[in-house]
Amino acid sequence: MEVSRGLGLPGHFTVGAAARILALCATGIPAIWVRDTGGLVVVLALAIIWAVAISLSVVRRFPAPLALLAEAAAVTVVCAVALDRGISLHLTALAVTPFLGGIRRGIRGASITLLIEIAVLTLTVFQLSGRPSAEQSAQLVAGLTLGLGLGLIGAYVQSTQSARTELAPYRDVMTLLEQLLELSDQLDNDLDPHSVGRRVLTATQDQLPTTGLGIWEMTPEELRRLPTGSPLEAGSDEDDPGIDVLGEAAATGRPALRGAHFAIPLDGSAKGSHVLLLGGRLPSTLPERQVYAQLRHLHTALRSLGVHLEAALMFAELRHVATQDERRRLAREMHDGVAQDIASMGYLVDALAEDLPPSSAPQIELLRSTITRVVAEVRTSVTALRMDVDANQSLGEAVSGLARRLSASSGISIRSTVDERTTRLQPEVESELLRIAQEALTNAVKHSGARSIDVTCQVDAPRARIVVRDNGRGLGPSREDSHGLTIMRERAALVGASLTIDSSQLGTVVYVSLGSRGGTPRPTEEEVTYP
């Protein structure tokens, strides 16, 4: 591997240019000092050769090894002619190409360029002046020895750079993962975006008498509000600041005020493609000058919390990606392992049935139907594991698709109603809400004995609610090995949502709500009326 692959063209270009410039300085400064016209001519010739070499390294239309050998030969000829003419010259120029050969090709490159210089020097010097004098020989040996030393140094740098370049990504990943594990244990709630967001809103309320507070994430594609579950978000939709004041704050990087609405950029965003913004509504009775002063003070005071919130959002995104990867891995393992093994058992049962007496037919049929049912359930679980909300499918579309698939596989009528705006929730929030709906629908299909199920999904970011209602026999007694409801509550808490489950002998209603105004809601009377 060449160092240019590790350093990239800019790094290789810099090393080569720096070595040549240093050699020109070492050769030209003494010539200028003693006003040696011949020495200046030699320096000019070397400068032309190296300018051409640098140009070839930039355009990369000439084979790099051949260009380096041609450079070594040309520089050696110039040095030999200067030596023959009696021009006082520091032969550091002879050390440049072995060094570059070592940097590019390791010990092999340094050796080849040094041999080229020795061969060209031998031919040129003996051709021009026959046997060189003792002083000339000493200068040549000094220049070649320096070239040998720098060539070996370049080869060492190349070998260590190659090893570092190959292993560096893995070492960096190991270091970052170790730091992430340590920080996740130490920071705890500081990596929960909802708790950090609530702290931001509380700190704002302590400084300003605001209503309709909220935190927005603005990207080139969309503007979405981050739900925090804080009661400070209570208020009417008219309290939300408009796109104008949020866009002004994002563009200028300073607090913005338009009428009663304000927006403050939360400094500390690590991603250049998005901006976190705090916005809300102020009483119109406050003097404008006082408001601007408080907004600037708040902008500074919230800087550290902005960094905390950015870190928490990035950690949530990392957790979401890791969860998706793990779900896909489990789906592959189940599809290629358990599902195939169970299906093979079905084929084995079919083969055994041919050799058993007719009296065993009912038991064989029961066993075969059981295997078929288990395979169908495993395949349904694989589909559910691979299902997620993506950039091209909204939460409502994902819930409707889930309802259609479960209805087709179970034969139970599942009606879905979707009402959602174009503004999306955060991907990890949508994913958790979808998993809650999936668990509620799956439980209703498998355990409720319902004839029909209704699912409603309403999204008006940052608010959302999902209602799953069935007309089955209600929840049975809890079992120690059943964790579905506990997991649903954990998922709801993870995104700051509330979960309510009402059950009776007439059916069950699962109600999950995110970002509701005025505290934790209860299902309406219509929603708990069982069909």
Protein backbone atom coordinates (compact mmCIF):
# COMPACT_ATOMS: atom_id res chain seq x y z
CA MET A 1 0.00 0.00 0.00
CA GLU A 2 1.37 3.40 -0.91
CA VAL A 3 1.34 6.21 1.56
CA SER A 4 -0.80 8.12 -0.90
CA ARG A 5 -3.59 5.63 -0.15
CA GLY A 6 -3.30 6.30 3.54
CA LEU A 7 -2.69 10.01 3.42
CA GLY A 8 -4.65 10.64 0.26
CA LEU A 9 -3.32 12.77 -2.61
CA PRO A 10 -3.17 15.99 -0.52
CA GLY A 11 -0.94 14.32 2.13
CA HIS A 12 1.40 12.75 -0.44
CA PHE A 13 1.59 16.00 -2.38
CA THR A 14 2.50 17.92 0.79
CA VAL A 15 5.26 15.51 1.82
CA GLY A 16 6.84 15.53 -1.66
CA ALA A 17 6.59 19.28 -2.08
CA ALA A 18 8.03 19.94 1.39
CA ALA A 19 11.03 17.63 0.76
CA ARG A 20 11.83 19.32 -2.57
CA ILE A 21 11.46 22.83 -1.18
CA LEU A 22 13.79 22.04 1.73
CA ALA A 23 16.36 20.64 -0.70
CA LEU A 24 16.11 23.80 -2.83
CA CYS A 25 16.64 25.96 0.26
CA ALA A 26 19.66 23.89 1.37
CA THR A 27 21.13 24.22 -2.13
CA GLY A 28 20.11 27.78 -3.00
CA ILE A 29 20.76 29.70 0.22
CA PRO A 30 24.53 29.08 0.19
CA ALA A 31 24.67 30.00 -3.53
CA ILE A 32 22.85 33.27 -2.83
CA TRP A 33 25.03 33.96 0.20
CA VAL A 34 28.30 33.70 -1.77
CA ARG A 35 26.72 35.09 -4.96
CA ASP A 36 27.57 31.96 -6.94
CA THR A 37 26.01 32.44 -10.38
CA GLY A 38 26.66 28.85 -11.39
CA GLY A 39 25.06 27.59 -8.21
CA LEU A 40 21.95 29.68 -8.90
CA VAL A 41 21.72 28.18 -12.39
CA VAL A 42 21.82 24.70 -10.84
CA VAL A 43 19.12 25.67 -8.34
CA LEU A 44 16.97 26.95 -11.21
CA ALA A 45 17.43 23.67 -13.09
CA LEU A 46 16.44 21.66 -10.00
CA ALA A 47 13.43 23.90 -9.47
CA ILE A 48 12.23 23.24 -13.02
CA ILE A 49 12.68 19.47 -12.64
CA TRP A 50 10.78 19.41 -9.35
CA ALA A 51 8.03 21.70 -10.64
CA VAL A 52 7.43 19.21 -13.46
CA ALA A 53 7.51 16.31 -10.98
CA ILE A 54 4.96 18.00 -8.73
CA SER A 55 2.71 18.73 -11.71
CA LEU A 56 2.84 15.10 -12.77
CA SER A 57 1.90 13.99 -9.24
CA VAL A 58 -1.15 16.26 -9.34
CA VAL A 59 -2.53 15.32 -12.75
CA ARG A 60 -1.57 11.64 -12.26
CA ARG A 61 -1.47 10.94 -16.00
CA PHE A 62 2.06 9.56 -15.83
CA PRO A 63 2.93 6.31 -14.01
CA ALA A 64 4.15 7.33 -10.57
CA PRO A 65 7.09 4.84 -10.35
CA LEU A 66 8.36 5.82 -13.80
CA ALA A 67 8.02 9.53 -12.99
CA LEU A 68 10.04 9.08 -9.81
CA LEU A 69 12.83 7.23 -11.63
CA ALA A 70 12.94 9.91 -14.33
CA GLU A 71 13.13 12.58 -11.61
CA ALA A 72 15.98 10.73 -9.90
CA ALA A 73 17.94 10.47 -13.16
CA ALA A 74 17.41 14.14 -14.09
CA VAL A 75 18.41 15.42 -10.64
CA THR A 76 21.50 13.18 -10.63
CA VAL A 77 22.61 14.48 -14.05
CA VAL A 78 22.29 18.10 -12.88
CA CYS A 79 24.29 17.36 -9.71
CA ALA A 80 26.98 15.52 -11.70
CA VAL A 81 27.35 18.39 -14.19
CA ALA A 82 27.55 20.91 -11.34
CA LEU A 83 30.20 18.80 -9.63
CA ASP A 84 32.22 18.56 -12.86
CA ARG A 85 32.08 22.34 -13.39
CA GLY A 86 33.44 22.93 -9.89
CA ILE A 87 30.24 24.57 -8.68
CA SER A 88 30.00 24.59 -4.90
CA LEU A 89 26.87 22.56 -4.21
CA HIS A 90 25.30 20.81 -1.22
CA LEU A 91 24.25 17.45 -2.60
CA THR A 92 21.08 17.22 -0.47
CA ALA A 93 19.20 17.09 -3.77
CA LEU A 94 20.43 13.52 -4.16
CA ALA A 95 18.58 12.54 -0.98
CA VAL A 96 15.13 13.71 -2.14
CA THR A 97 14.22 10.90 -4.55
CA PRO A 98 15.34 8.00 -2.28
CA PHE A 99 13.23 9.54 0.48
CA LEU A 100 10.20 9.81 -1.82
CA GLY A 101 10.84 6.27 -3.07
CA GLY A 102 10.78 5.01 0.52
CA ILE A 103 7.60 6.95 1.28
CA ARG A 104 5.86 5.56 -1.80
CA ARG A 105 7.19 2.01 -2.15
CA GLY A 106 8.97 1.24 1.10
CA ILE A 107 12.46 -0.26 1.17
CA ARG A 108 12.11 -1.40 -2.43
CA GLY A 109 11.36 2.08 -3.71
CA ALA A 110 14.25 3.61 -1.73
CA SER A 111 16.69 0.97 -3.01
CA ILE A 112 15.69 1.33 -6.67
CA THR A 113 15.94 5.13 -6.72
CA LEU A 114 19.30 5.00 -4.92
CA LEU A 115 20.66 2.46 -7.44
CA ILE A 116 19.42 4.66 -10.30
CA GLU A 117 21.32 7.62 -8.82
CA ILE A 118 24.52 5.58 -8.38
CA ALA A 119 24.32 4.29 -11.97
CA VAL A 120 23.61 7.72 -13.48
CA LEU A 121 26.36 9.36 -11.37
CA THR A 122 28.88 6.73 -12.40
CA LEU A 123 28.12 7.11 -16.10
CA THR A 124 27.89 10.90 -16.07
CA VAL A 125 30.92 11.67 -13.90
CA PHE A 126 33.25 9.26 -15.74
CA GLN A 127 31.92 10.50 -19.08
CA LEU A 128 32.57 14.15 -18.20
CA SER A 129 35.81 14.13 -16.24
CA GLY A 130 37.05 10.58 -15.96
CA ARG A 131 38.13 9.66 -12.47
CA PRO A 132 36.62 12.07 -9.84
CA SER A 133 38.88 13.81 -7.35
CA ALA A 134 38.98 12.90 -3.66
CA GLU A 135 36.91 15.98 -2.79
CA GLN A 136 34.30 15.17 -5.44
CA SER A 137 34.14 11.55 -4.27
CA ALA A 138 33.64 12.68 -0.68
CA GLN A 139 30.73 14.93 -1.72
CA LEU A 140 29.15 12.14 -3.75
CA VAL A 141 29.47 9.64 -0.91
CA ALA A 142 27.98 12.18 1.54
CA GLY A 143 25.02 12.85 -0.76
CA LEU A 144 24.33 9.17 -1.42
CA THR A 145 24.70 8.27 2.26
CA LEU A 146 22.18 10.97 3.15
CA GLY A 147 19.91 9.56 0.46
CA LEU A 148 20.26 6.06 1.91
CA GLY A 149 19.43 7.28 5.43
CA LEU A 150 16.41 9.33 4.35
CA GLY A 151 15.24 6.48 2.10
CA LEU A 152 15.24 4.10 5.06
CA ILE A 153 13.36 6.66 7.15
CA GLY A 154 10.78 7.04 4.37
CA ALA A 155 10.41 3.25 4.14
CA TYR A 156 9.82 3.03 7.89
CA VAL A 157 7.21 5.80 7.76
CA GLN A 158 5.51 4.01 4.86
CA SER A 159 5.32 0.70 6.72
CA THR A 160 3.96 2.22 9.93
CA GLN A 161 1.53 4.39 7.96
CA SER A 162 0.23 1.36 6.05
CA ALA A 163 -0.32 -0.62 9.25
CA ARG A 164 -1.92 2.33 10.97
CA THR A 165 -4.19 3.02 8.00
CA GLU A 166 -5.41 -0.59 7.83
CA LEU A 167 -6.08 -0.93 11.56
CA ALA A 168 -6.99 2.66 12.43
CA PRO A 169 -10.75 2.36 11.70
CA TYR A 170 -11.04 -0.71 13.94
CA ARG A 171 -8.99 0.86 16.73
CA ASP A 172 -11.08 4.04 16.50
CA VAL A 173 -14.30 2.02 16.67
CA MET A 174 -13.05 0.13 19.73
CA THR A 175 -12.08 3.36 21.48
CA LEU A 176 -15.38 5.07 20.67
CA LEU A 177 -17.46 2.08 21.77
CA GLU A 178 -15.57 1.86 25.07
CA GLN A 179 -16.17 5.56 25.67
CA LEU A 180 -19.83 5.19 24.70
CA LEU A 181 -20.35 2.34 27.17
CA GLU A 182 -18.68 4.29 29.97
CA LEU A 183 -20.63 7.47 29.21
CA SER A 184 -23.97 5.68 28.92
CA ASP A 185 -23.46 4.28 32.43
CA GLN A 186 -22.32 7.61 33.88
CA LEU A 187 -24.80 9.97 32.21
CA ASP A 188 -27.98 7.86 32.56
CA ASN A 189 -30.84 10.37 32.22
CA ASP A 190 -28.60 12.87 30.42
CA LEU A 191 -28.87 10.60 27.38
CA ASP A 192 -32.67 10.58 27.40
CA PRO A 193 -33.77 13.29 24.93
CA HIS A 194 -37.18 13.64 26.57
CA SER A 195 -35.81 14.35 30.06
CA VAL A 196 -33.17 16.73 28.67
CA GLY A 197 -35.86 18.45 26.59
CA ARG A 198 -38.01 18.92 29.70
CA ARG A 199 -35.02 20.50 31.45
CA VAL A 200 -34.65 22.93 28.54
CA LEU A 201 -38.31 23.92 28.79
CA THR A 202 -38.12 24.28 32.57
CA ALA A 203 -35.01 26.47 32.33
CA THR A 204 -36.79 28.64 29.76
CA GLN A 205 -39.91 28.99 31.89
CA ASP A 206 -37.76 30.10 34.82
CA GLN A 207 -36.47 33.01 32.75
CA LEU A 208 -39.49 33.97 30.63
CA PRO A 209 -43.28 33.82 31.18
CA THR A 210 -43.99 31.82 28.03
CA THR A 211 -46.74 29.58 26.64
CA GLY A 212 -46.71 26.99 23.88
CA LEU A 213 -43.07 26.10 24.46
CA GLY A 214 -41.53 23.51 22.19
CA ILE A 215 -38.28 22.24 20.71
CA TRP A 216 -38.00 21.90 16.95
CA GLU A 217 -35.52 20.16 14.70
CA MET A 218 -35.06 21.89 11.36
CA THR A 219 -33.45 20.09 8.43
CA PRO A 220 -33.35 21.04 4.74
CA GLU A 221 -36.21 18.60 4.14
CA GLU A 222 -38.57 19.20 7.06
CA LEU A 223 -39.37 20.87 10.35
CA ARG A 224 -40.53 18.61 13.18
CA ARG A 225 -41.25 19.11 16.82
CA LEU A 226 -39.58 16.96 19.46
CA PRO A 227 -42.08 15.69 22.05
CA THR A 228 -40.86 15.96 25.63
CA GLY A 229 -43.99 15.10 27.63
CA SER A 230 -43.61 18.33 29.64
CA PRO A 231 -46.76 20.13 30.88
CA LEU A 232 -45.07 23.35 29.74
CA GLU A 233 -45.97 22.34 26.19
CA ALA A 234 -49.65 22.83 27.03
CA GLY A 235 -51.48 25.45 25.02
CA SER A 236 -53.30 25.90 21.74
CA ASP A 237 -51.78 25.31 18.34
CA GLU A 238 -51.84 29.08 17.78
CA ASP A 239 -49.16 29.39 20.47
CA ASP A 240 -46.65 27.52 18.30
CA PRO A 241 -44.16 29.86 16.54
CA GLY A 242 -44.41 29.85 12.78
CA ILE A 243 -41.87 28.76 10.22
CA ASP A 244 -40.82 32.38 9.69
CA VAL A 245 -39.46 33.04 13.16
CA LEU A 246 -37.94 29.54 13.41
CA GLY A 247 -36.30 29.93 10.00
CA GLU A 248 -34.88 33.33 10.93
CA ALA A 249 -33.31 31.97 14.12
CA ALA A 250 -31.88 28.98 12.24
CA ALA A 251 -30.42 31.17 9.47
CA THR A 252 -28.86 33.83 11.70
CA GLY A 253 -27.84 31.66 14.66
CA ARG A 254 -29.32 34.31 16.99
CA PRO A 255 -32.64 34.67 18.85
CA ALA A 256 -35.52 35.88 16.68
CA LEU A 257 -38.71 37.69 17.69
CA ARG A 258 -41.74 38.32 15.51
CA GLY A 259 -44.72 39.73 17.29
CA ALA A 260 -45.34 37.60 20.34
CA HIS A 261 -43.51 34.54 18.98
CA PHE A 262 -39.83 33.89 19.59
CA ALA A 263 -37.24 31.27 18.61
CA ILE A 264 -33.79 30.56 20.02
CA PRO A 265 -31.20 28.29 18.34
CA LEU A 266 -29.85 25.70 20.75
CA ASP A 267 -26.13 25.87 20.13
CA GLY A 268 -24.08 22.71 20.19
CA SER A 269 -25.56 20.90 17.20
CA ALA A 270 -22.96 18.44 15.93
CA LYS A 271 -24.69 17.91 12.58
CA GLY A 272 -24.34 20.63 10.01
CA SER A 273 -27.54 19.49 8.27
CA HIS A 274 -29.92 20.32 11.09
CA VAL A 275 -30.57 22.95 13.76
CA LEU A 276 -32.31 22.55 17.12
CA LEU A 277 -34.58 25.44 17.99
CA LEU A 278 -36.54 26.47 21.07
CA GLY A 279 -39.72 28.43 20.44
CA GLY A 280 -42.83 29.72 22.13
CA ARG A 281 -45.13 32.68 22.74
CA LEU A 282 -44.54 35.67 25.02
CA PRO A 283 -47.10 38.00 26.59
CA SER A 284 -47.53 41.09 24.45
CA THR A 285 -47.24 43.30 27.54
CA LEU A 286 -43.46 42.85 27.88
CA PRO A 287 -41.28 45.69 26.50
CA GLU A 288 -39.49 44.67 23.31
CA ARG A 289 -36.06 45.79 24.54
CA GLN A 290 -36.43 43.76 27.71
CA VAL A 291 -37.55 40.72 25.69
CA TYR A 292 -34.50 40.90 23.42
CA ALA A 293 -32.17 41.16 26.42
CA GLN A 294 -33.79 38.13 28.07
CA LEU A 295 -33.66 36.13 24.85
CA ARG A 296 -29.94 36.82 24.41
CA HIS A 297 -29.29 35.89 28.04
CA LEU A 298 -31.34 32.70 27.62
CA HIS A 299 -29.47 31.85 24.41
CA THR A 300 -26.21 31.85 26.37
CA ALA A 301 -27.66 30.09 29.42
CA LEU A 302 -29.05 27.19 27.35
CA ARG A 303 -25.80 26.47 25.51
CA SER A 304 -24.73 23.58 27.73
CA LEU A 305 -28.22 22.05 27.68
CA GLY A 306 -28.16 22.32 23.89
CA VAL A 307 -25.04 20.15 23.81
CA HIS A 308 -26.68 17.68 26.22
CA LEU A 309 -29.79 17.50 24.05
CA GLU A 310 -27.76 16.98 20.88
CA ALA A 311 -25.83 14.14 22.51
CA ALA A 312 -29.07 12.56 23.74
CA LEU A 313 -30.65 12.74 20.28
CA MET A 314 -27.59 11.18 18.67
CA PHE A 315 -27.57 8.41 21.28
CA ALA A 316 -31.27 7.76 20.63
CA GLU A 317 -30.56 7.58 16.90
CA LEU A 318 -27.70 5.15 17.51
CA ARG A 319 -29.93 3.01 19.73
CA HIS A 320 -32.65 3.04 17.05
CA VAL A 321 -30.22 1.91 14.34
CA ALA A 322 -28.77 -0.79 16.59
CA THR A 323 -32.26 -2.03 17.43
CA GLN A 324 -33.21 -2.21 13.76
CA ASP A 325 -30.06 -4.18 12.95
CA GLU A 326 -30.71 -6.60 15.81
CA ARG A 327 -34.33 -7.13 14.73
CA ARG A 328 -33.23 -7.89 11.18
CA ARG A 329 -30.57 -10.31 12.49
CA LEU A 330 -33.15 -12.12 14.63
CA ALA A 331 -35.52 -12.28 11.67
CA ARG A 332 -32.82 -13.88 9.53
CA GLU A 333 -31.95 -16.39 12.25
CA MET A 334 -35.60 -17.34 12.74
CA HIS A 335 -36.29 -17.62 9.00
CA ASP A 336 -33.17 -19.62 8.16
CA GLY A 337 -33.11 -21.67 11.36
CA VAL A 338 -36.24 -22.31 13.41
CA ALA A 339 -38.76 -21.90 10.57
CA GLN A 340 -36.87 -24.27 8.27
CA ASP A 341 -36.42 -26.87 11.03
CA ILE A 342 -40.11 -26.85 11.91
CA ALA A 343 -41.06 -27.11 8.24
CA SER A 344 -38.73 -30.11 7.92
CA MET A 345 -40.55 -31.72 10.83
CA GLY A 346 -43.77 -31.41 8.82
CA TYR A 347 -42.21 -33.26 5.90
CA LEU A 348 -40.99 -35.95 8.30
CA VAL A 349 -44.51 -36.34 9.74
CA ASP A 350 -45.89 -36.72 6.21
CA ALA A 351 -43.35 -39.44 5.51
CA LEU A 352 -44.13 -41.30 8.75
CA ALA A 353 -47.89 -41.08 8.14
CA GLU A 354 -47.56 -43.38 5.14
CA ASP A 355 -46.23 -46.23 7.34
CA LEU A 356 -48.66 -45.81 10.26
CA PRO A 357 -52.01 -47.61 10.57
CA PRO A 358 -55.19 -45.73 9.59
CA SER A 359 -56.21 -45.52 13.25
CA SER A 360 -53.38 -42.99 13.80
CA ALA A 361 -54.69 -40.61 11.12
CA PRO A 362 -56.50 -38.22 13.53
CA GLN A 363 -53.38 -37.80 15.70
CA ILE A 364 -51.17 -37.35 12.65
CA GLU A 365 -53.55 -34.75 11.23
CA LEU A 366 -53.57 -32.88 14.56
CA LEU A 367 -49.78 -32.95 14.67
CA ARG A 368 -49.53 -31.77 11.06
CA SER A 369 -51.97 -28.90 11.62
CA THR A 370 -50.09 -27.88 14.76
CA ILE A 371 -46.82 -27.76 12.84
CA THR A 372 -48.46 -25.74 10.07
CA ARG A 373 -49.83 -23.28 12.62
CA VAL A 374 -46.43 -22.90 14.33
CA VAL A 375 -44.68 -22.31 11.00
CA ALA A 376 -47.28 -19.66 10.12
CA GLU A 377 -46.74 -17.94 13.50
CA VAL A 378 -42.96 -17.98 13.07
CA ARG A 379 -43.27 -16.48 9.61
CA THR A 380 -45.61 -13.82 10.98
CA SER A 381 -43.06 -13.04 13.68
CA VAL A 382 -40.31 -12.77 11.05
CA THR A 383 -42.42 -10.33 9.06
CA ALA A 384 -43.14 -8.30 12.20
CA LEU A 385 -39.44 -8.17 13.11
CA ARG A 386 -38.49 -6.87 9.68
CA MET A 387 -41.31 -4.34 9.56
CA ASP A 388 -40.47 -0.75 10.48
CA VAL A 389 -41.32 2.82 9.63
CA ASP A 390 -39.01 4.21 6.96
CA ALA A 391 -38.54 7.47 5.08
CA ASN A 392 -41.11 6.48 2.43
CA GLN A 393 -43.78 5.13 4.80
CA SER A 394 -45.47 7.12 7.53
CA LEU A 395 -46.58 5.78 10.91
CA GLY A 396 -50.21 5.62 9.79
CA GLU A 397 -49.30 3.71 6.63
CA ALA A 398 -47.21 1.26 8.65
CA VAL A 399 -50.05 0.65 11.12
CA SER A 400 -52.54 0.14 8.25
CA GLY A 401 -50.18 -2.29 6.54
CA LEU A 402 -49.76 -4.21 9.78
CA ALA A 403 -53.54 -4.42 10.20
CA ARG A 404 -54.00 -5.72 6.65
CA ARG A 405 -51.37 -8.44 7.06
CA LEU A 406 -52.74 -9.61 10.41
CA SER A 407 -56.28 -9.62 9.06
CA ALA A 408 -55.25 -11.67 6.02
CA SER A 409 -53.30 -14.22 8.07
CA SER A 410 -55.86 -14.58 10.89
CA GLY A 411 -59.15 -14.17 9.05
CA ILE A 412 -60.32 -11.63 11.66
CA SER A 413 -61.82 -8.36 10.42
CA ILE A 414 -59.45 -5.50 11.32
CA ARG A 415 -60.59 -1.98 10.40
CA SER A 416 -57.99 0.78 10.39
CA THR A 417 -58.56 4.54 10.46
CA VAL A 418 -55.68 6.91 9.81
CA ASP A 419 -55.63 10.68 10.27
CA GLU A 420 -52.16 12.23 10.04
CA ARG A 421 -50.49 15.43 8.91
CA THR A 422 -47.47 15.65 6.64
CA THR A 423 -45.11 16.55 9.51
CA ARG A 424 -43.39 13.43 10.79
CA LEU A 425 -42.37 12.36 14.28
CA GLN A 426 -38.81 11.34 15.02
CA PRO A 427 -37.93 7.94 13.46
CA GLU A 428 -37.24 6.30 16.82
CA VAL A 429 -40.55 7.64 18.21
CA GLU A 430 -42.50 6.32 15.22
CA SER A 431 -40.77 2.97 15.56
CA GLU A 432 -41.69 2.57 19.24
CA LEU A 433 -45.33 3.59 18.63
CA LEU A 434 -45.53 1.07 15.80
CA ARG A 435 -44.21 -1.68 18.09
CA ILE A 436 -46.86 -0.83 20.69
CA ALA A 437 -49.59 -1.02 18.04
CA GLN A 438 -48.11 -4.27 16.76
CA GLU A 439 -48.12 -5.85 20.23
CA ALA A 440 -51.69 -4.69 20.90
CA LEU A 441 -52.96 -6.02 17.57
CA THR A 442 -51.08 -9.30 17.90
CA ASN A 443 -52.46 -9.86 21.40
CA ALA A 444 -55.97 -9.14 20.18
CA VAL A 445 -55.60 -11.57 17.27
CA LYS A 446 -54.01 -14.40 19.26
CA HIS A 447 -55.62 -14.24 22.70
CA SER A 448 -58.83 -12.18 22.74
CA GLY A 449 -61.09 -14.41 20.66
CA ALA A 450 -62.38 -11.24 18.99
CA ARG A 451 -64.52 -11.26 15.87
CA SER A 452 -63.47 -7.77 14.85
CA ILE A 453 -60.77 -5.24 15.78
CA ASP A 454 -60.62 -1.49 15.21
CA VAL A 455 -57.35 0.45 15.13
CA THR A 456 -57.13 4.24 14.93
CA CYS A 457 -53.92 6.18 14.29
CA GLN A 458 -53.85 9.97 14.54
CA VAL A 459 -50.62 11.96 14.07
CA ASP A 460 -50.28 15.71 14.41
CA ALA A 461 -46.60 16.08 15.34
CA PRO A 462 -45.49 16.32 18.04
CA ARG A 463 -48.78 14.75 19.16
CA ALA A 464 -50.00 11.29 18.25
CA ARG A 465 -52.39 8.66 19.53
CA ILE A 466 -53.16 5.08 18.63
CA VAL A 467 -56.24 3.19 19.81
CA VAL A 468 -56.67 -0.57 19.38
CA ARG A 469 -60.13 -1.89 20.34
CA ASP A 470 -61.44 -5.43 20.09
CA ASN A 471 -64.73 -7.15 21.02
CA GLY A 472 -63.09 -10.20 22.57
CA ARG A 473 -63.31 -11.65 26.05
CA GLY A 474 -60.92 -9.17 27.66
CA LEU A 475 -57.59 -9.73 29.36
CA GLY A 476 -57.17 -12.99 31.18
CA PRO A 477 -55.25 -13.50 34.43
CA SER A 478 -51.63 -12.42 34.21
CA ARG A 479 -48.92 -15.05 33.81
CA GLU A 480 -45.37 -14.89 35.12
CA ASP A 481 -43.98 -15.74 31.69
CA SER A 482 -46.02 -13.03 29.91
CA HIS A 483 -44.17 -9.75 29.37
CA GLY A 484 -46.14 -8.15 26.52
CA LEU A 485 -47.92 -5.47 28.58
CA THR A 486 -44.75 -4.64 30.51
CA ILE A 487 -42.82 -4.17 27.27
CA MET A 488 -45.59 -1.96 25.88
CA ARG A 489 -45.37 0.28 28.95
CA GLU A 490 -41.59 0.41 28.68
CA ARG A 491 -41.81 1.42 25.05
CA ALA A 492 -44.33 4.15 25.86
CA ALA A 493 -42.13 5.50 28.66
CA LEU A 494 -39.12 5.47 26.35
CA VAL A 495 -40.72 8.05 24.04
CA GLY A 496 -42.60 9.98 26.72
CA ALA A 497 -46.03 8.60 25.82
CA SER A 498 -48.85 7.49 28.10
CA LEU A 499 -50.43 4.03 27.88
CA THR A 500 -53.91 3.11 29.12
CA ILE A 501 -55.49 -0.34 28.93
CA ASP A 502 -59.18 -0.87 29.73
CA SER A 503 -60.49 -4.41 29.67
CA SER A 504 -63.71 -6.23 30.47
CA GLN A 505 -65.57 -9.32 29.33
CA LEU A 506 -66.82 -7.26 26.38
CA GLY A 507 -63.38 -6.49 25.00
CA THR A 508 -60.16 -4.50 25.46
CA VAL A 509 -59.08 -0.99 24.51
CA VAL A 510 -55.38 -0.10 24.30
CA TYR A 511 -54.85 3.63 24.16
CA VAL A 512 -51.39 5.19 23.67
CA SER A 513 -51.02 8.97 23.52
CA LEU A 514 -47.98 11.12 22.81
CA GLY A 515 -47.63 14.84 23.54
CA SER A 516 -51.21 15.35 24.75
CA ARG A 517 -52.19 18.74 26.02
CA GLY A 518 -52.95 19.02 29.69
CA GLY A 519 -51.47 15.83 31.13
CA THR A 520 -52.19 12.14 30.73
CA PRO A 521 -55.46 11.57 28.85
CA ARG A 522 -57.98 8.82 29.29
CA PRO A 523 -59.87 7.11 26.48
CA THR A 524 -63.10 8.83 25.58
CA GLU A 525 -66.44 7.23 26.34
CA GLU A 526 -66.83 6.28 22.67
CA GLU A 527 -63.42 4.62 22.66
CA VAL A 528 -64.21 2.37 25.61
CA THR A 529 -67.63 1.35 24.26
CA TYR A 530 -67.11 -2.20 23.11
CA PRO A 531 -68.87 -3.40 19.96
